[in-house]
Amino acid sequence: MNKDIKKHIRILAEKFNHLIEYDKDILVLKNQMNDIRIWQEDKYDINVSFNLLDKHRHLKVKIDRTYDVLIELLRRQKNQDVELNSEMILTIKDWINEEGDFARQQLENLKKDLKTENIKYRELGGNRYEVEFYDGILILTDDLCFASSNVIKL
């Protein structure tokens, strides 16, 4: 698995209060409710297995859809299934197009502040597309759950 993807998964696990373990080539994310296992068999897909009531569900998703599935799983408050969102994967450009000058200004302020401050977390807001900065990455989600969530290194 790509080292950037592994790093982003580790950061997401920390943000959403999950322990991360390594079992050979499998990343295991755990908390009181979740038991999520992630591994890669080929260069195009990521396997995600997670607990669902009294069984495990297995998904094979394209690498660029990994963050969408993981964010859904890490955020869930009860042992429920996850649904894949549309093929549209959120980008910074989508956020700025939707939110306009507000988003552009938020991003510029964050970049400027990062030059002089050590910022661990900042909510950047948005009406439809919500963006959070956490430990070096931007986490983009769609309030309406239409577009796929994404993680972008800043």
N, C-alpha and C. Protein backbone atom coordinates (compact mmCIF):
# COMPACT_ATOMS: atom_id res chain seq x y z
N MET A 1 0.85 -1.18 0.00
CA MET A 1 0.00 0.00 0.00
C MET A 1 0.90 1.24 0.00
N ASN A 2 0.51 2.22 -0.75
CA ASN A 2 1.22 3.48 -0.86
C ASN A 2 1.45 4.08 0.52
N LYS A 3 2.68 4.60 0.76
CA LYS A 3 3.01 5.12 2.09
C LYS A 3 2.18 6.36 2.44
N ASP A 4 1.80 7.19 1.45
CA ASP A 4 0.94 8.35 1.74
C ASP A 4 -0.44 7.91 2.19
N ILE A 5 -0.98 6.88 1.54
CA ILE A 5 -2.29 6.37 1.94
C ILE A 5 -2.22 5.83 3.36
N LYS A 6 -1.17 5.07 3.68
CA LYS A 6 -1.00 4.55 5.04
C LYS A 6 -0.92 5.69 6.06
N LYS A 7 -0.17 6.72 5.72
CA LYS A 7 -0.03 7.86 6.63
C LYS A 7 -1.37 8.55 6.82
N HIS A 8 -2.12 8.75 5.76
CA HIS A 8 -3.43 9.40 5.86
C HIS A 8 -4.41 8.55 6.67
N ILE A 9 -4.35 7.24 6.49
CA ILE A 9 -5.21 6.35 7.29
C ILE A 9 -4.84 6.46 8.76
N ARG A 10 -3.54 6.51 9.06
CA ARG A 10 -3.11 6.65 10.46
C ARG A 10 -3.64 7.96 11.05
N ILE A 11 -3.56 9.05 10.28
CA ILE A 11 -4.05 10.35 10.76
C ILE A 11 -5.56 10.30 10.96
N LEU A 12 -6.29 9.71 10.03
CA LEU A 12 -7.75 9.58 10.19
C LEU A 12 -8.10 8.75 11.42
N ALA A 13 -7.36 7.66 11.63
CA ALA A 13 -7.62 6.82 12.80
C ALA A 13 -7.43 7.63 14.08
N GLU A 14 -6.38 8.41 14.14
CA GLU A 14 -6.14 9.26 15.32
C GLU A 14 -7.26 10.27 15.50
N LYS A 15 -7.65 10.94 14.42
CA LYS A 15 -8.68 11.96 14.52
C LYS A 15 -9.99 11.40 15.05
N PHE A 16 -10.33 10.19 14.60
CA PHE A 16 -11.60 9.59 15.00
C PHE A 16 -11.45 8.60 16.15
N ASN A 17 -10.35 8.74 16.91
CA ASN A 17 -10.13 7.96 18.14
C ASN A 17 -10.18 6.45 17.94
N HIS A 18 -9.41 5.98 16.98
CA HIS A 18 -9.27 4.55 16.74
C HIS A 18 -7.81 4.16 16.96
N LEU A 19 -7.61 3.01 17.55
CA LEU A 19 -6.26 2.45 17.65
C LEU A 19 -5.91 1.85 16.31
N ILE A 20 -4.64 1.88 15.97
CA ILE A 20 -4.20 1.27 14.73
C ILE A 20 -3.18 0.20 15.05
N GLU A 21 -3.38 -0.96 14.44
CA GLU A 21 -2.47 -2.09 14.61
C GLU A 21 -2.07 -2.57 13.23
N TYR A 22 -0.97 -3.29 13.18
CA TYR A 22 -0.49 -3.84 11.93
C TYR A 22 -0.43 -5.34 12.06
N ASP A 23 -1.07 -6.05 11.16
CA ASP A 23 -1.07 -7.51 11.16
C ASP A 23 -0.60 -7.96 9.78
N LYS A 24 0.70 -8.20 9.65
CA LYS A 24 1.35 -8.48 8.37
C LYS A 24 1.08 -7.33 7.42
N ASP A 25 0.38 -7.54 6.33
CA ASP A 25 0.10 -6.48 5.36
C ASP A 25 -1.29 -5.87 5.55
N ILE A 26 -1.85 -6.07 6.72
CA ILE A 26 -3.21 -5.58 6.98
C ILE A 26 -3.15 -4.49 8.06
N LEU A 27 -3.80 -3.36 7.77
CA LEU A 27 -3.98 -2.31 8.78
C LEU A 27 -5.27 -2.61 9.51
N VAL A 28 -5.24 -2.56 10.83
CA VAL A 28 -6.43 -2.83 11.64
C VAL A 28 -6.73 -1.58 12.46
N LEU A 29 -7.94 -1.05 12.30
CA LEU A 29 -8.39 0.12 13.05
C LEU A 29 -9.49 -0.34 14.00
N LYS A 30 -9.34 0.02 15.29
CA LYS A 30 -10.28 -0.46 16.29
C LYS A 30 -10.67 0.64 17.27
N ASN A 31 -11.90 0.58 17.69
CA ASN A 31 -12.37 1.31 18.87
C ASN A 31 -13.43 0.42 19.51
N GLN A 32 -14.25 0.98 20.42
CA GLN A 32 -15.22 0.15 21.13
C GLN A 32 -16.22 -0.51 20.18
N MET A 33 -16.49 0.13 19.05
CA MET A 33 -17.49 -0.42 18.14
C MET A 33 -16.88 -1.02 16.87
N ASN A 34 -15.85 -0.40 16.35
CA ASN A 34 -15.33 -0.78 15.04
C ASN A 34 -14.17 -1.78 15.10
N ASP A 35 -14.17 -2.64 14.14
CA ASP A 35 -13.04 -3.53 13.84
C ASP A 35 -12.92 -3.49 12.32
N ILE A 36 -12.01 -2.64 11.83
CA ILE A 36 -11.87 -2.39 10.40
C ILE A 36 -10.50 -2.91 9.95
N ARG A 37 -10.49 -3.66 8.88
CA ARG A 37 -9.25 -4.22 8.34
C ARG A 37 -9.09 -3.76 6.90
N ILE A 38 -7.87 -3.28 6.58
CA ILE A 38 -7.60 -2.69 5.27
C ILE A 38 -6.35 -3.33 4.69
N TRP A 39 -6.43 -3.79 3.45
CA TRP A 39 -5.27 -4.34 2.78
C TRP A 39 -5.41 -4.18 1.27
N GLN A 40 -4.29 -4.30 0.61
CA GLN A 40 -4.26 -4.11 -0.84
C GLN A 40 -3.70 -5.36 -1.50
N GLU A 41 -4.43 -5.90 -2.48
CA GLU A 41 -4.00 -7.09 -3.20
C GLU A 41 -3.46 -6.75 -4.59
N ASP A 42 -3.95 -5.66 -5.16
CA ASP A 42 -3.47 -5.25 -6.48
C ASP A 42 -3.29 -3.73 -6.49
N LYS A 43 -2.79 -3.19 -7.58
CA LYS A 43 -2.46 -1.77 -7.59
C LYS A 43 -3.66 -0.85 -7.81
N TYR A 44 -4.84 -1.40 -8.03
CA TYR A 44 -6.01 -0.59 -8.33
C TYR A 44 -7.05 -0.55 -7.21
N ASP A 45 -7.04 -1.55 -6.35
CA ASP A 45 -8.11 -1.69 -5.37
C ASP A 45 -7.59 -1.84 -3.95
N ILE A 46 -8.44 -1.44 -3.02
CA ILE A 46 -8.19 -1.62 -1.59
C ILE A 46 -9.33 -2.46 -1.04
N ASN A 47 -8.99 -3.42 -0.19
CA ASN A 47 -9.99 -4.24 0.47
C ASN A 47 -10.26 -3.66 1.85
N VAL A 48 -11.53 -3.55 2.18
CA VAL A 48 -11.93 -3.06 3.49
C VAL A 48 -12.93 -4.06 4.07
N SER A 49 -12.60 -4.58 5.22
CA SER A 49 -13.49 -5.50 5.92
C SER A 49 -13.85 -4.84 7.25
N PHE A 50 -15.13 -4.90 7.62
CA PHE A 50 -15.55 -4.25 8.86
C PHE A 50 -16.69 -5.04 9.50
N ASN A 51 -16.79 -4.87 10.82
CA ASN A 51 -17.83 -5.56 11.55
C ASN A 51 -19.18 -4.90 11.28
N LEU A 52 -20.17 -5.75 11.13
CA LEU A 52 -21.55 -5.31 10.89
C LEU A 52 -22.44 -6.23 11.69
N LEU A 53 -22.93 -5.73 12.82
CA LEU A 53 -23.69 -6.53 13.77
C LEU A 53 -22.85 -7.75 14.17
N ASP A 54 -23.28 -8.96 13.82
CA ASP A 54 -22.53 -10.15 14.26
C ASP A 54 -21.73 -10.81 13.15
N LYS A 55 -21.42 -10.05 12.10
CA LYS A 55 -20.64 -10.60 10.99
C LYS A 55 -19.68 -9.53 10.48
N HIS A 56 -18.90 -9.88 9.48
CA HIS A 56 -18.00 -8.93 8.83
C HIS A 56 -18.44 -8.75 7.38
N ARG A 57 -18.38 -7.52 6.92
CA ARG A 57 -18.68 -7.23 5.53
C ARG A 57 -17.37 -6.88 4.84
N HIS A 58 -17.23 -7.30 3.61
CA HIS A 58 -16.02 -7.04 2.84
C HIS A 58 -16.37 -6.20 1.62
N LEU A 59 -15.61 -5.13 1.42
CA LEU A 59 -15.76 -4.29 0.24
C LEU A 59 -14.42 -4.23 -0.48
N LYS A 60 -14.48 -4.23 -1.79
CA LYS A 60 -13.30 -4.00 -2.61
C LYS A 60 -13.58 -2.71 -3.36
N VAL A 61 -12.78 -1.68 -3.06
CA VAL A 61 -13.04 -0.36 -3.66
C VAL A 61 -11.80 0.13 -4.40
N LYS A 62 -12.03 0.97 -5.38
CA LYS A 62 -10.93 1.60 -6.09
C LYS A 62 -10.13 2.44 -5.09
N ILE A 63 -8.83 2.53 -5.29
CA ILE A 63 -7.97 3.23 -4.36
C ILE A 63 -8.46 4.65 -4.09
N ASP A 64 -8.94 5.34 -5.12
CA ASP A 64 -9.37 6.73 -4.91
C ASP A 64 -10.67 6.84 -4.12
N ARG A 65 -11.35 5.73 -3.86
CA ARG A 65 -12.59 5.73 -3.06
C ARG A 65 -12.34 5.27 -1.62
N THR A 66 -11.10 4.94 -1.29
CA THR A 66 -10.75 4.41 0.03
C THR A 66 -11.17 5.36 1.15
N TYR A 67 -10.84 6.63 0.99
CA TYR A 67 -11.12 7.59 2.07
C TYR A 67 -12.61 7.75 2.31
N ASP A 68 -13.41 7.68 1.26
CA ASP A 68 -14.86 7.80 1.41
C ASP A 68 -15.40 6.70 2.32
N VAL A 69 -15.00 5.47 2.05
CA VAL A 69 -15.45 4.34 2.87
C VAL A 69 -14.93 4.46 4.30
N LEU A 70 -13.64 4.77 4.44
CA LEU A 70 -13.05 4.85 5.78
C LEU A 70 -13.69 5.95 6.63
N ILE A 71 -13.89 7.11 6.04
CA ILE A 71 -14.48 8.20 6.81
C ILE A 71 -15.88 7.82 7.27
N GLU A 72 -16.65 7.18 6.40
CA GLU A 72 -17.99 6.72 6.80
C GLU A 72 -17.90 5.74 7.97
N LEU A 73 -16.98 4.80 7.88
CA LEU A 73 -16.84 3.81 8.95
C LEU A 73 -16.34 4.44 10.24
N LEU A 74 -15.35 5.29 10.16
CA LEU A 74 -14.78 5.89 11.36
C LEU A 74 -15.74 6.85 12.06
N ARG A 75 -16.65 7.44 11.30
CA ARG A 75 -17.62 8.39 11.87
C ARG A 75 -18.89 7.74 12.39
N ARG A 76 -19.13 6.49 12.04
CA ARG A 76 -20.42 5.89 12.40
C ARG A 76 -20.57 5.78 13.91
N GLN A 77 -21.78 6.04 14.35
CA GLN A 77 -22.08 6.05 15.78
C GLN A 77 -22.74 4.75 16.25
N LYS A 78 -23.21 3.97 15.29
CA LYS A 78 -23.77 2.67 15.63
C LYS A 78 -23.33 1.67 14.58
N ASN A 79 -23.50 0.43 14.87
CA ASN A 79 -23.01 -0.63 14.00
C ASN A 79 -23.91 -0.76 12.77
N GLN A 80 -23.71 0.16 11.83
CA GLN A 80 -24.53 0.19 10.63
C GLN A 80 -23.66 0.03 9.39
N ASP A 81 -24.31 -0.32 8.30
CA ASP A 81 -23.60 -0.49 7.04
C ASP A 81 -23.22 0.87 6.47
N VAL A 82 -22.36 0.87 5.49
CA VAL A 82 -21.97 2.11 4.82
C VAL A 82 -22.41 2.02 3.36
N GLU A 83 -22.68 3.17 2.80
CA GLU A 83 -23.05 3.23 1.40
C GLU A 83 -22.01 4.05 0.66
N LEU A 84 -21.64 3.58 -0.50
CA LEU A 84 -20.70 4.33 -1.32
C LEU A 84 -21.43 5.48 -1.98
N ASN A 85 -20.81 6.64 -1.97
CA ASN A 85 -21.40 7.81 -2.60
C ASN A 85 -21.11 7.80 -4.09
N SER A 86 -21.45 8.86 -4.76
CA SER A 86 -21.32 8.92 -6.22
C SER A 86 -19.87 8.79 -6.66
N GLU A 87 -19.68 8.72 -7.93
CA GLU A 87 -18.34 8.62 -8.51
C GLU A 87 -17.57 9.93 -8.38
N MET A 88 -18.27 11.04 -8.12
CA MET A 88 -17.59 12.33 -7.96
C MET A 88 -16.82 12.35 -6.64
N ILE A 89 -15.52 12.52 -6.72
CA ILE A 89 -14.69 12.57 -5.53
C ILE A 89 -14.34 14.04 -5.27
N LEU A 90 -14.64 14.51 -4.08
CA LEU A 90 -14.44 15.92 -3.75
C LEU A 90 -13.00 16.37 -3.89
N THR A 91 -12.84 17.59 -4.37
CA THR A 91 -11.52 18.22 -4.48
C THR A 91 -11.60 19.60 -3.85
N ILE A 92 -10.45 20.21 -3.65
CA ILE A 92 -10.41 21.58 -3.14
C ILE A 92 -11.14 22.50 -4.12
N LYS A 93 -10.95 22.27 -5.40
CA LYS A 93 -11.61 23.08 -6.43
C LYS A 93 -13.13 23.02 -6.30
N ASP A 94 -13.68 21.81 -6.03
CA ASP A 94 -15.13 21.67 -5.83
C ASP A 94 -15.60 22.51 -4.65
N TRP A 95 -14.84 22.45 -3.56
CA TRP A 95 -15.18 23.20 -2.35
C TRP A 95 -15.19 24.70 -2.65
N ILE A 96 -14.16 25.17 -3.31
CA ILE A 96 -14.08 26.60 -3.62
C ILE A 96 -15.17 27.00 -4.60
N ASN A 97 -15.45 26.16 -5.60
CA ASN A 97 -16.54 26.47 -6.54
C ASN A 97 -17.89 26.57 -5.84
N GLU A 98 -18.11 25.71 -4.86
CA GLU A 98 -19.39 25.69 -4.14
C GLU A 98 -19.49 26.83 -3.13
N GLU A 99 -18.42 27.09 -2.40
CA GLU A 99 -18.45 28.04 -1.29
C GLU A 99 -17.90 29.42 -1.64
N GLY A 100 -17.25 29.55 -2.78
CA GLY A 100 -16.80 30.85 -3.27
C GLY A 100 -15.65 31.46 -2.47
N ASP A 101 -15.72 32.79 -2.33
CA ASP A 101 -14.64 33.54 -1.68
C ASP A 101 -14.41 33.09 -0.23
N PHE A 102 -15.47 32.67 0.45
CA PHE A 102 -15.34 32.20 1.83
C PHE A 102 -14.31 31.06 1.90
N ALA A 103 -14.46 30.06 1.03
CA ALA A 103 -13.57 28.91 1.03
C ALA A 103 -12.16 29.32 0.64
N ARG A 104 -12.05 30.14 -0.37
CA ARG A 104 -10.74 30.59 -0.83
C ARG A 104 -10.00 31.31 0.30
N GLN A 105 -10.71 32.16 1.01
CA GLN A 105 -10.12 32.92 2.12
C GLN A 105 -9.72 32.00 3.27
N GLN A 106 -10.57 31.03 3.58
CA GLN A 106 -10.26 30.08 4.65
C GLN A 106 -8.96 29.32 4.34
N LEU A 107 -8.84 28.89 3.10
CA LEU A 107 -7.65 28.14 2.70
C LEU A 107 -6.41 29.02 2.73
N GLU A 108 -6.53 30.22 2.24
CA GLU A 108 -5.39 31.15 2.26
C GLU A 108 -4.96 31.46 3.68
N ASN A 109 -5.93 31.69 4.58
CA ASN A 109 -5.61 31.96 5.98
C ASN A 109 -4.92 30.77 6.64
N LEU A 110 -5.39 29.58 6.34
CA LEU A 110 -4.76 28.39 6.91
C LEU A 110 -3.32 28.26 6.45
N LYS A 111 -3.10 28.39 5.15
CA LYS A 111 -1.73 28.28 4.63
C LYS A 111 -0.81 29.33 5.23
N LYS A 112 -1.32 30.55 5.37
CA LYS A 112 -0.53 31.63 5.96
C LYS A 112 -0.22 31.32 7.43
N ASP A 113 -1.21 30.86 8.18
CA ASP A 113 -1.02 30.55 9.60
C ASP A 113 -0.08 29.37 9.81
N LEU A 114 -0.10 28.42 8.90
CA LEU A 114 0.77 27.25 9.04
C LEU A 114 2.25 27.62 8.93
N LYS A 115 2.54 28.73 8.29
CA LYS A 115 3.93 29.17 8.16
C LYS A 115 4.51 29.64 9.49
N THR A 116 3.64 30.11 10.39
CA THR A 116 4.12 30.65 11.67
C THR A 116 3.60 29.91 12.89
N GLU A 117 2.61 29.04 12.72
CA GLU A 117 2.01 28.35 13.86
C GLU A 117 2.02 26.85 13.63
N ASN A 118 1.98 26.10 14.74
CA ASN A 118 1.83 24.66 14.67
C ASN A 118 0.35 24.35 14.91
N ILE A 119 -0.38 24.14 13.85
CA ILE A 119 -1.82 23.93 13.94
C ILE A 119 -2.12 22.45 13.78
N LYS A 120 -2.78 21.87 14.77
CA LYS A 120 -3.16 20.46 14.71
C LYS A 120 -4.54 20.31 14.04
N TYR A 121 -5.48 21.19 14.41
CA TYR A 121 -6.85 21.07 13.90
C TYR A 121 -7.44 22.44 13.63
N ARG A 122 -8.18 22.53 12.54
CA ARG A 122 -8.97 23.73 12.28
C ARG A 122 -10.15 23.35 11.39
N GLU A 123 -11.32 23.76 11.80
CA GLU A 123 -12.50 23.57 10.97
C GLU A 123 -12.55 24.72 9.99
N LEU A 124 -12.63 24.39 8.71
CA LEU A 124 -12.64 25.41 7.67
C LEU A 124 -14.06 25.71 7.19
N GLY A 125 -15.01 24.90 7.60
CA GLY A 125 -16.41 25.18 7.33
C GLY A 125 -16.87 24.85 5.94
N GLY A 126 -18.01 25.44 5.62
CA GLY A 126 -18.67 25.20 4.36
C GLY A 126 -20.13 24.91 4.61
N ASN A 127 -20.96 25.21 3.65
CA ASN A 127 -22.39 24.93 3.78
C ASN A 127 -22.72 23.53 3.28
N ARG A 128 -22.32 23.25 2.07
CA ARG A 128 -22.57 21.92 1.51
C ARG A 128 -21.36 21.03 1.69
N TYR A 129 -20.22 21.48 1.23
CA TYR A 129 -18.99 20.72 1.39
C TYR A 129 -18.27 21.22 2.63
N GLU A 130 -18.06 20.33 3.57
CA GLU A 130 -17.37 20.70 4.80
C GLU A 130 -15.92 20.28 4.71
N VAL A 131 -15.04 21.14 5.20
CA VAL A 131 -13.61 20.85 5.15
C VAL A 131 -13.01 21.07 6.53
N GLU A 132 -12.20 20.11 6.95
CA GLU A 132 -11.46 20.20 8.20
C GLU A 132 -9.99 19.99 7.89
N PHE A 133 -9.16 20.70 8.62
CA PHE A 133 -7.72 20.46 8.56
C PHE A 133 -7.36 19.69 9.82
N TYR A 134 -6.63 18.60 9.65
CA TYR A 134 -6.17 17.83 10.80
C TYR A 134 -4.79 17.26 10.51
N ASP A 135 -3.81 17.69 11.28
CA ASP A 135 -2.46 17.13 11.26
C ASP A 135 -1.88 16.99 9.84
N GLY A 136 -2.02 18.04 9.04
CA GLY A 136 -1.38 18.06 7.72
C GLY A 136 -2.25 17.66 6.55
N ILE A 137 -3.48 17.24 6.83
CA ILE A 137 -4.37 16.85 5.73
C ILE A 137 -5.68 17.64 5.78
N LEU A 138 -6.29 17.78 4.62
CA LEU A 138 -7.64 18.34 4.52
C LEU A 138 -8.60 17.17 4.37
N ILE A 139 -9.68 17.18 5.14
CA ILE A 139 -10.70 16.15 5.07
C ILE A 139 -11.94 16.82 4.50
N LEU A 140 -12.34 16.39 3.30
CA LEU A 140 -13.46 17.00 2.59
C LEU A 140 -14.65 16.04 2.62
N THR A 141 -15.81 16.52 3.06
CA THR A 141 -17.01 15.70 3.08
C THR A 141 -18.18 16.49 2.50
N ASP A 142 -19.16 15.77 2.00
CA ASP A 142 -20.36 16.35 1.42
C ASP A 142 -21.50 16.21 2.42
N ASP A 143 -22.04 17.33 2.86
CA ASP A 143 -23.15 17.33 3.82
C ASP A 143 -24.35 16.54 3.31
N LEU A 144 -24.57 16.57 2.01
CA LEU A 144 -25.71 15.87 1.42
C LEU A 144 -25.40 14.42 1.07
N CYS A 145 -24.17 13.99 1.34
CA CYS A 145 -23.73 12.61 1.09
C CYS A 145 -23.89 12.19 -0.36
N PHE A 146 -23.73 13.13 -1.28
CA PHE A 146 -23.79 12.78 -2.69
C PHE A 146 -22.38 12.50 -3.22
N ALA A 147 -21.48 13.44 -3.04
CA ALA A 147 -20.10 13.27 -3.52
C ALA A 147 -19.29 12.46 -2.50
N SER A 148 -18.26 11.79 -2.99
CA SER A 148 -17.41 10.97 -2.14
C SER A 148 -16.43 11.84 -1.34
N SER A 149 -16.28 11.49 -0.08
CA SER A 149 -15.32 12.19 0.78
C SER A 149 -13.91 11.95 0.26
N ASN A 150 -13.01 12.85 0.66
CA ASN A 150 -11.64 12.74 0.18
C ASN A 150 -10.69 13.31 1.23
N VAL A 151 -9.43 12.91 1.13
CA VAL A 151 -8.36 13.41 1.97
C VAL A 151 -7.28 13.94 1.04
N ILE A 152 -6.81 15.15 1.33
CA ILE A 152 -5.80 15.78 0.50
C ILE A 152 -4.70 16.29 1.40
N LYS A 153 -3.46 15.97 1.05
CA LYS A 153 -2.31 16.46 1.79
C LYS A 153 -2.15 17.94 1.52
N LEU A 154 -1.95 18.72 2.58
CA LEU A 154 -1.78 20.16 2.39
C LEU A 154 -0.32 20.51 2.46
